[in-house]
């Protein structure tokens, strides 16, 4: 019981997969190179100049949105928990009745 056939087949498949992986990587690299041909790779980012007051207002708006989103998420969790609790209680009452 040497299991030679199974091990040999597994090794052949691993070798074939490795070869396919190399081919696929090179093919993907060629496609990406064609897509990015003629584009500038290191373009510097330009940001708008904003005063300190405007920056503070923007940050406050972002914080308010985040707080609203967090409140909405907590409300959904609470509603879901209540629904699950009601279902569990109903099942328990139905089984013990």
Protein backbone atom coordinates (compact mmCIF):
# COMPACT_ATOMS: atom_id res chain seq x y z
CA UNK A 1 0.00 0.00 0.00
CA UNK A 2 2.39 2.69 -1.13
CA UNK A 3 -0.31 5.05 -2.43
CA UNK A 4 2.15 5.89 -5.20
CA UNK A 5 -0.43 6.63 -7.84
CA UNK A 6 -2.29 9.16 -5.74
CA UNK A 7 0.85 10.96 -4.57
CA UNK A 8 2.28 11.03 -8.08
CA UNK A 9 -0.95 12.46 -9.47
CA UNK A 10 -1.03 15.11 -6.74
CA UNK A 11 2.56 16.12 -7.51
CA UNK A 12 1.79 16.34 -11.23
CA UNK A 13 -1.23 18.55 -10.56
CA UNK A 14 0.76 20.83 -8.24
CA UNK A 15 3.47 21.21 -10.88
CA UNK A 16 0.89 21.97 -13.59
CA UNK A 17 -0.85 24.52 -11.37
CA UNK A 18 2.44 26.27 -10.65
CA UNK A 19 3.20 26.51 -14.36
CA UNK A 20 -0.27 27.87 -15.09
CA UNK A 21 0.12 30.42 -12.31
CA UNK A 22 3.35 31.72 -13.85
CA UNK A 23 1.68 32.01 -17.26
CA UNK A 24 -1.34 33.78 -15.80
CA UNK A 25 0.80 36.26 -13.89
CA UNK A 26 2.81 37.16 -16.97
CA UNK A 27 -0.36 37.48 -19.06
CA UNK A 28 -1.97 39.74 -16.44
CA UNK A 29 1.18 41.88 -16.29
CA UNK A 30 1.07 42.35 -20.08
CA UNK A 31 -2.59 43.39 -19.95
CA UNK A 32 -1.94 45.87 -17.14
CA UNK A 33 1.03 47.32 -18.99
CA UNK A 34 -1.14 47.86 -22.07
CA UNK A 35 -3.86 49.53 -20.00
CA UNK A 36 -1.45 51.91 -18.29
CA UNK A 37 0.57 52.68 -21.38
CA UNK A 38 1.07 56.41 -21.75
CA UNK A 39 -0.14 57.34 -18.28
CA UNK A 40 1.96 59.23 -15.80
CA UNK A 41 2.68 57.03 -12.81
CA UNK A 42 3.79 59.58 -10.22
CA UNK A 43 1.40 62.49 -10.58
CA UNK A 44 1.49 64.71 -7.51
CA UNK A 45 -1.81 65.17 -5.71
CA UNK A 46 -3.19 68.66 -5.46
CA UNK A 47 -5.49 69.56 -2.58
CA UNK A 48 -7.64 72.64 -2.20
CA UNK A 49 -6.34 75.25 0.19
CA UNK A 50 -8.85 75.58 3.03
CA UNK A 51 -8.82 78.01 5.92
CA UNK A 52 -8.72 76.73 9.49
CA UNK A 53 -12.37 77.69 10.06
CA UNK A 54 -13.57 75.84 6.98
CA UNK A 55 -11.48 72.83 7.94
CA UNK A 56 -13.06 72.84 11.40
CA UNK A 57 -16.55 73.02 9.86
CA UNK A 58 -15.78 70.16 7.50
CA UNK A 59 -14.49 68.03 10.37
CA UNK A 60 -17.58 68.80 12.44
CA UNK A 61 -19.84 67.80 9.55
CA UNK A 62 -17.96 64.53 9.16
CA UNK A 63 -18.25 63.86 12.90
CA UNK A 64 -22.00 64.59 12.83
CA UNK A 65 -22.51 62.20 9.91
CA UNK A 66 -20.50 59.52 11.68
CA UNK A 67 -22.53 59.99 14.86
CA UNK A 68 -25.82 59.75 12.95
CA UNK A 69 -24.61 56.63 11.18
CA UNK A 70 -23.54 55.08 14.47
CA UNK A 71 -26.90 55.90 16.08
CA UNK A 72 -28.76 54.37 13.14
CA UNK A 73 -26.64 51.24 13.35
CA UNK A 74 -27.24 50.89 17.10
CA UNK A 75 -31.00 51.30 16.55
CA UNK A 76 -30.96 48.54 13.94
CA UNK A 77 -29.04 46.24 16.30
CA UNK A 78 -31.52 46.96 19.09
CA UNK A 79 -34.53 46.25 16.86
CA UNK A 80 -32.94 43.05 15.56
CA UNK A 81 -32.11 41.92 19.11
CA UNK A 82 -35.68 42.54 20.26
CA UNK A 83 -37.08 40.58 17.31
CA UNK A 84 -34.75 37.65 18.01
CA UNK A 85 -35.62 37.75 21.71
CA UNK A 86 -39.36 37.72 20.95
CA UNK A 87 -38.93 34.76 18.60
CA UNK A 88 -36.90 32.82 21.17
CA UNK A 89 -39.44 33.53 23.93
CA UNK A 90 -42.32 32.43 21.68
CA UNK A 91 -40.53 29.20 20.80
CA UNK A 92 -39.77 28.49 24.45
CA UNK A 93 -43.37 29.18 25.48
CA UNK A 94 -44.67 26.98 22.67
CA UNK A 95 -42.44 24.06 23.63
CA UNK A 96 -43.25 24.19 27.36
CA UNK A 97 -47.01 24.63 26.95
